[in-house]
Amino acid sequence: MTSIPVADKRPRTTAHPDRAGAMGKRPGGGGARNRRRLARFVVGLLLAGYAAVSVYPFLWMVSAAFKDQLEVVSGGHLIPENPTFDTLIDTWNKLHFFDFFLNSLLVTLYTVVLTLVVYAAAGYAFAVLRFPGRTFLSRLFVSLLFVPGVTVMLPIVLLENELGILGTHWGLVLPFVNGGAPLSILLMTGAFGAIPAELRDSARVDGASEFRIFLNIYLPLAQPALITVALLTAIPTWNEYLLTRVSLTDRSTFTLPLGLQTLAAENVPHYNNLMAGALIVVIPVVLLFLCLQRYFVNGLVGAVKG
C-alpha cells in the first residue's frame, strides 16, 4: 500500500527583497562612515597645512644659503635663480666656522659620554638595586623636570667662577650633564626595569658580579634607551645658546650658536652667510636623528612600558 504525500497547507511568508536588504544593514551606518571619512579628511588637511607652515622657514633657510646677498635681500622666488656654493664655502672658510664646529663637537661628545656613563649607572641602581631612600631619590630627580633651567643660571655661573672653569668648555659640559639628569634617569630606570629579573638571578647563580651583570646583560638589552638618551642630550647641547653666551667670552672657545650670533651682530649683516651658517648648524642634527630615529622611538616605547 503506497502512501499519498500530503501537501503542506501552512502559510508561507516570502521576504521582500528590499526589506531583506534593509535588515542586513545597520541603521545610520552609511552616514557614520561618511562622517568619519570627512573628519579624517579635515584632520589630514589641518595637519598638512601645519606641516607646510612649519617647514617653510626651513626651506627658506636652505634656499637663502645657496643665494648671493643681493638675491636674498631682493626677495625673489624660493628656488634660487643662480644657485651657488660660494656662500657655504665663504661661511665655512673665511668666517672660521670650522673652529666653531669643532668646539661644538667636542662639547657635545663630552656631554653625551658623561651623561651615558653617569645616568646609565644611576638608572640601574634605581631600577634593580634595593637601598634606603631609593624611591625618594628617584622621585626627587624626576621632579627636577619641572624646574626651568634659566632659574639656576646665576648660581651656575657663580659656582663656575669659584671653581675656575668659567669661560672654558668644562663650564658648559658639567651643567649640561647635570641638566640632563631628570629625563635620563627616568628613561634608563624604565628601560632597566622592563628587563626580566630572572636574567640577573641566573647570572648571580653563575657567579657574575653586579658590575658584570650591568655591563654584559643590562646595557646591551637597553641599547634603544641609551641611544634615546644620547639623542636627547646631544641635540639640546649642540643648539644651546643662552648658557654659552653667558659663560664663554673668548672667541676661540665659541660654539656654533655663538658663531651665528657674531654673524648677526655685524654692522651690515650678510643674510646669505647667516642662513648658510644656520644650515651648517642644522645638518648634523638632522642627519643624526634620521639615522637613529628607529632606535629613538623604540627607546621611548621601552621606557614608557618599563
Protein backbone atom coordinates (compact mmCIF):
# COMPACT_ATOMS: atom_id res chain seq x y z
CA MET A 1 0.00 0.00 0.00
CA THR A 2 1.51 3.25 -1.09
CA SER A 3 1.25 6.45 0.89
CA ILE A 4 -0.03 9.56 -0.79
CA PRO A 5 2.00 12.68 0.03
CA VAL A 6 0.00 15.38 1.74
CA ALA A 7 0.73 18.92 0.74
CA ASP A 8 1.83 21.31 3.48
CA LYS A 9 -1.03 23.73 3.93
CA ARG A 10 0.86 26.07 6.36
CA PRO A 11 1.06 29.61 5.05
CA ARG A 12 4.44 30.54 3.67
CA THR A 13 5.92 34.00 4.00
CA THR A 14 8.29 35.39 1.42
CA ALA A 15 10.63 38.19 2.47
CA HIS A 16 10.51 41.23 0.26
CA PRO A 17 13.89 41.81 -1.46
CA ASP A 18 14.10 45.44 -0.33
CA ARG A 19 13.15 44.51 3.21
CA ALA A 20 15.76 41.72 3.33
CA GLY A 21 18.47 44.10 2.17
CA ALA A 22 17.42 46.64 4.72
CA MET A 23 17.60 44.06 7.51
CA GLY A 24 21.28 43.37 6.67
CA LYS A 25 22.24 46.99 7.07
CA ARG A 26 22.74 48.78 10.34
CA PRO A 27 20.62 51.91 10.62
CA GLY A 28 22.72 55.02 10.01
CA GLY A 29 25.85 53.02 9.05
CA GLY A 30 26.48 54.87 5.80
CA GLY A 31 26.13 58.28 7.42
CA ALA A 32 28.51 57.43 10.26
CA ARG A 33 31.08 56.12 7.79
CA ASN A 34 30.87 59.31 5.75
CA ARG A 35 31.27 61.44 8.86
CA ARG A 36 34.40 59.51 9.84
CA ARG A 37 35.85 59.98 6.36
CA LEU A 38 35.08 63.69 6.47
CA ALA A 39 36.68 64.00 9.91
CA ARG A 40 39.83 62.21 8.72
CA PHE A 41 39.99 64.46 5.66
CA VAL A 42 39.66 67.63 7.74
CA VAL A 43 42.29 66.46 10.24
CA GLY A 44 44.64 65.50 7.42
CA LEU A 45 44.11 68.87 5.76
CA LEU A 46 44.85 70.73 9.00
CA LEU A 47 47.98 68.66 9.64
CA ALA A 48 49.18 69.24 6.09
CA GLY A 49 48.69 72.98 6.50
CA TYR A 50 50.51 72.98 9.82
CA ALA A 51 53.37 70.97 8.31
CA ALA A 52 53.65 73.40 5.39
CA VAL A 53 53.78 76.41 7.72
CA SER A 54 56.38 74.69 9.91
CA VAL A 55 58.60 73.53 7.05
CA TYR A 56 58.55 76.76 5.04
CA PRO A 57 61.10 78.66 7.23
CA PHE A 58 63.49 75.71 6.95
CA LEU A 59 63.08 75.63 3.17
CA TRP A 60 63.66 79.39 3.00
CA MET A 61 66.85 79.00 5.06
CA VAL A 62 68.13 76.28 2.73
CA SER A 63 67.25 78.39 -0.29
CA ALA A 64 68.99 81.51 1.07
CA ALA A 65 72.14 79.51 1.81
CA PHE A 66 72.57 78.98 -1.94
CA LYS A 67 71.90 82.61 -2.94
CA ASP A 68 74.10 85.68 -3.02
CA GLN A 69 73.40 88.66 -0.77
CA LEU A 70 71.65 90.69 -3.47
CA GLU A 71 69.18 87.94 -4.31
CA VAL A 72 68.37 87.35 -0.64
CA VAL A 73 67.59 90.99 0.20
CA SER A 74 65.62 91.48 -3.03
CA GLY A 75 63.21 88.68 -2.16
CA GLY A 76 62.58 86.63 -5.24
CA HIS A 77 61.47 83.05 -5.52
CA LEU A 78 62.01 80.24 -3.07
CA ILE A 79 64.11 78.38 -5.63
CA PRO A 80 67.40 80.25 -6.24
CA GLU A 81 67.72 81.76 -9.70
CA ASN A 82 71.50 81.31 -9.74
CA PRO A 83 72.32 78.70 -7.07
CA THR A 84 75.89 78.83 -5.82
CA PHE A 85 78.02 77.05 -3.23
CA ASP A 86 80.19 80.14 -2.75
CA THR A 87 78.12 81.27 0.23
CA LEU A 88 78.63 77.99 2.10
CA ILE A 89 82.34 77.90 1.24
CA ASP A 90 82.79 81.53 2.30
CA THR A 91 80.97 80.94 5.59
CA TRP A 92 82.96 77.78 6.34
CA ASN A 93 86.42 79.10 5.46
CA LYS A 94 86.64 82.87 5.79
CA LEU A 95 84.49 83.15 8.93
CA HIS A 96 86.36 80.35 10.75
CA PHE A 97 83.24 78.24 11.12
CA PHE A 98 85.35 75.11 11.32
CA ASP A 99 86.66 76.25 14.72
CA PHE A 100 83.12 76.81 15.98
CA PHE A 101 82.07 73.44 14.58
CA LEU A 102 84.95 71.66 16.31
CA ASN A 103 84.18 73.34 19.65
CA SER A 104 80.52 72.31 19.43
CA LEU A 105 81.50 68.76 18.51
CA LEU A 106 83.87 68.42 21.48
CA VAL A 107 81.39 69.87 23.98
CA THR A 108 78.61 67.62 22.67
CA LEU A 109 80.74 64.46 22.72
CA TYR A 110 81.99 65.07 26.27
CA THR A 111 78.46 65.78 27.46
CA VAL A 112 76.94 62.70 25.83
CA VAL A 113 79.65 60.33 27.08
CA LEU A 114 79.47 61.59 30.67
CA THR A 115 75.67 61.54 30.62
CA LEU A 116 75.54 57.93 29.44
CA VAL A 117 78.14 56.75 31.95
CA VAL A 118 76.64 58.50 34.96
CA TYR A 119 72.93 58.05 34.35
CA ALA A 120 73.07 54.52 32.99
CA ALA A 121 74.59 53.53 36.34
CA ALA A 122 72.04 55.64 38.22
CA GLY A 123 69.14 54.13 36.28
CA TYR A 124 70.41 50.63 37.01
CA ALA A 125 70.65 51.43 40.71
CA PHE A 126 67.12 52.83 40.89
CA ALA A 127 65.57 50.02 38.81
CA VAL A 128 67.41 46.94 40.10
CA LEU A 129 69.15 47.56 43.40
CA ARG A 130 67.43 47.98 46.73
CA PHE A 131 68.75 50.60 49.15
CA PRO A 132 67.27 53.04 51.69
CA GLY A 133 65.78 56.18 50.17
CA ARG A 134 65.66 54.73 46.65
CA THR A 135 62.08 55.82 45.94
CA PHE A 136 62.58 59.27 47.45
CA LEU A 137 65.73 59.97 45.45
CA SER A 138 64.15 58.71 42.24
CA ARG A 139 61.15 60.99 42.64
CA LEU A 140 63.41 63.88 43.62
CA PHE A 141 65.39 63.60 40.40
CA VAL A 142 62.24 63.32 38.29
CA SER A 143 60.73 66.37 39.99
CA LEU A 144 63.63 68.45 38.67
CA LEU A 145 61.98 68.21 35.25
CA PHE A 146 59.64 70.97 36.41
CA VAL A 147 62.44 73.40 37.33
CA PRO A 148 63.21 75.85 34.48
CA GLY A 149 66.90 75.89 33.63
CA VAL A 150 67.03 79.68 33.47
CA THR A 151 66.22 79.91 37.20
CA VAL A 152 69.56 78.30 38.10
CA MET A 153 71.64 80.20 35.54
CA LEU A 154 73.10 82.69 38.04
CA PRO A 155 74.07 80.05 40.65
CA ILE A 156 75.76 78.02 37.90
CA VAL A 157 77.83 80.99 36.75
CA LEU A 158 78.83 81.89 40.32
CA LEU A 159 79.81 78.29 41.08
CA GLU A 160 81.83 78.02 37.87
CA ASN A 161 83.64 81.22 38.77
CA GLU A 162 84.55 79.79 42.18
CA LEU A 163 85.79 76.55 40.58
CA GLY A 164 87.80 78.40 37.96
CA ILE A 165 86.05 76.82 34.96
CA LEU A 166 84.04 79.85 33.86
CA GLY A 167 84.80 80.60 30.23
CA THR A 168 86.02 77.06 29.47
CA HIS A 169 84.30 74.18 27.73
CA TRP A 170 84.05 72.29 31.01
CA GLY A 171 81.92 75.18 32.24
CA LEU A 172 79.41 74.05 29.63
CA VAL A 173 79.81 70.28 29.85
CA LEU A 174 79.18 69.92 33.59
CA PRO A 175 75.95 72.00 33.65
CA PHE A 176 74.70 70.16 30.56
CA VAL A 177 75.33 66.79 32.22
CA ASN A 178 73.63 67.96 35.40
CA GLY A 179 70.65 69.36 33.48
CA GLY A 180 70.08 66.05 31.73
CA ALA A 181 69.74 64.13 34.99
CA PRO A 182 65.91 64.02 35.38
CA LEU A 183 64.97 62.79 31.92
CA SER A 184 67.99 60.49 31.56
CA ILE A 185 67.34 58.78 34.89
CA LEU A 186 63.64 58.44 34.08
CA LEU A 187 64.33 56.77 30.72
CA MET A 188 67.11 54.49 31.95
CA THR A 189 65.15 53.43 35.04
CA GLY A 190 62.18 52.49 32.87
CA ALA A 191 64.36 50.59 30.40
CA PHE A 192 66.22 48.60 33.05
CA GLY A 193 63.01 47.95 34.97
CA ALA A 194 61.48 46.27 31.90
CA ILE A 195 64.26 43.65 31.77
CA PRO A 196 63.21 40.38 33.47
CA ALA A 197 64.75 39.95 36.91
CA GLU A 198 65.31 36.24 36.18
CA LEU A 199 68.27 37.15 33.97
CA ARG A 200 70.00 38.83 36.87
CA ASP A 201 69.18 35.98 39.23
CA SER A 202 70.60 33.41 36.80
CA ALA A 203 73.77 35.43 36.38
CA ARG A 204 74.18 35.73 40.14
CA VAL A 205 73.83 31.96 40.47
CA ASP A 206 76.60 31.56 37.88
CA GLY A 207 78.84 33.77 39.99
CA ALA A 208 78.71 37.01 37.98
CA SER A 209 79.42 40.23 39.84
CA GLU A 210 77.00 43.15 39.89
CA PHE A 211 79.22 45.16 37.56
CA ARG A 212 79.47 42.24 35.12
CA ILE A 213 75.68 41.82 35.12
CA PHE A 214 75.25 45.53 34.43
CA LEU A 215 77.88 45.59 31.69
CA ASN A 216 77.14 42.34 29.86
CA ILE A 217 73.39 41.86 30.33
CA TYR A 218 71.57 45.09 31.09
CA LEU A 219 73.45 47.55 28.91
CA PRO A 220 73.09 45.53 25.66
CA LEU A 221 69.38 44.99 26.29
CA ALA A 222 68.89 48.72 27.00
CA GLN A 223 70.59 49.87 23.79
CA PRO A 224 67.50 51.71 22.41
CA ALA A 225 67.16 53.66 25.66
CA LEU A 226 70.87 54.53 25.61
CA ILE A 227 70.56 55.87 22.06
CA THR A 228 67.47 57.84 23.07
CA VAL A 229 69.30 59.44 25.99
CA ALA A 230 72.25 60.21 23.72
CA LEU A 231 69.98 61.96 21.20
CA LEU A 232 68.03 63.88 23.83
CA THR A 233 71.36 65.04 25.27
CA ALA A 234 73.22 65.79 22.04
CA ILE A 235 70.56 67.91 20.31
CA PRO A 236 69.99 70.48 23.11
CA THR A 237 73.73 70.63 23.81
CA TRP A 238 74.51 71.26 20.15
CA ASN A 239 71.90 74.04 19.92
CA GLU A 240 72.41 75.68 23.34
CA TYR A 241 72.88 79.44 23.16
CA LEU A 242 71.97 81.06 26.49
CA LEU A 243 74.48 79.31 28.75
CA THR A 244 77.24 79.56 26.14
CA ARG A 245 76.53 83.27 25.75
CA VAL A 246 76.83 83.82 29.49
CA SER A 247 79.80 81.53 30.08
CA LEU A 248 82.10 81.95 27.07
CA THR A 249 83.92 85.21 26.32
CA ASP A 250 86.95 84.12 24.27
CA ARG A 251 86.18 83.77 20.56
CA SER A 252 88.47 80.73 20.32
CA THR A 253 86.07 78.81 22.59
CA PHE A 254 82.85 79.83 20.83
CA THR A 255 80.43 77.12 19.72
CA LEU A 256 78.28 77.22 16.59
CA PRO A 257 75.33 79.17 18.10
CA LEU A 258 77.73 81.90 19.24
CA GLY A 259 79.37 81.85 15.83
CA LEU A 260 75.96 82.54 14.30
CA GLN A 261 75.47 85.38 16.76
CA THR A 262 78.71 87.03 15.62
CA LEU A 263 77.38 86.97 12.06
CA ALA A 264 74.09 88.54 13.12
CA ALA A 265 75.90 91.25 15.13
CA GLU A 266 77.75 92.66 12.12
CA ASN A 267 77.07 96.27 11.12
CA VAL A 268 75.81 95.11 7.73
CA PRO A 269 74.67 91.51 8.29
CA HIS A 270 75.05 89.22 5.32
CA TYR A 271 71.86 87.21 5.46
CA ASN A 272 73.07 84.65 2.97
CA ASN A 273 76.07 83.88 5.20
CA LEU A 274 73.80 83.81 8.23
CA MET A 275 71.48 81.28 6.60
CA ALA A 276 74.46 79.23 5.42
CA GLY A 277 75.76 79.15 8.98
CA ALA A 278 72.33 78.09 10.26
CA LEU A 279 72.29 75.30 7.68
CA ILE A 280 75.71 74.14 8.87
CA VAL A 281 74.35 74.02 12.43
CA VAL A 282 71.20 72.12 11.47
CA ILE A 283 72.58 69.49 9.09
CA PRO A 284 74.46 67.32 11.67
CA VAL A 285 71.44 67.22 13.98
CA VAL A 286 69.03 66.28 11.19
CA LEU A 287 71.32 63.55 9.86
CA LEU A 288 71.90 62.15 13.35
CA PHE A 289 68.18 61.98 14.08
CA LEU A 290 67.34 60.41 10.72
CA CYS A 291 69.97 57.70 11.20
CA LEU A 292 68.88 56.86 14.75
CA GLN A 293 65.15 57.54 14.52
CA ARG A 294 64.17 53.86 14.79
CA TYR A 295 66.19 53.40 17.98
CA PHE A 296 64.83 56.66 19.36
CA VAL A 297 61.21 55.54 19.03
CA ASN A 298 61.96 52.08 20.44
CA GLY A 299 63.78 53.64 23.39
CA LEU A 300 60.85 55.87 24.28
CA VAL A 301 58.37 52.99 23.97
CA GLY A 302 60.52 50.71 26.10
CA ALA A 303 60.97 53.34 28.78
CA VAL A 304 57.23 54.00 28.97
CA LYS A 305 56.45 50.28 29.22
CA GLY A 306 59.02 49.90 31.95
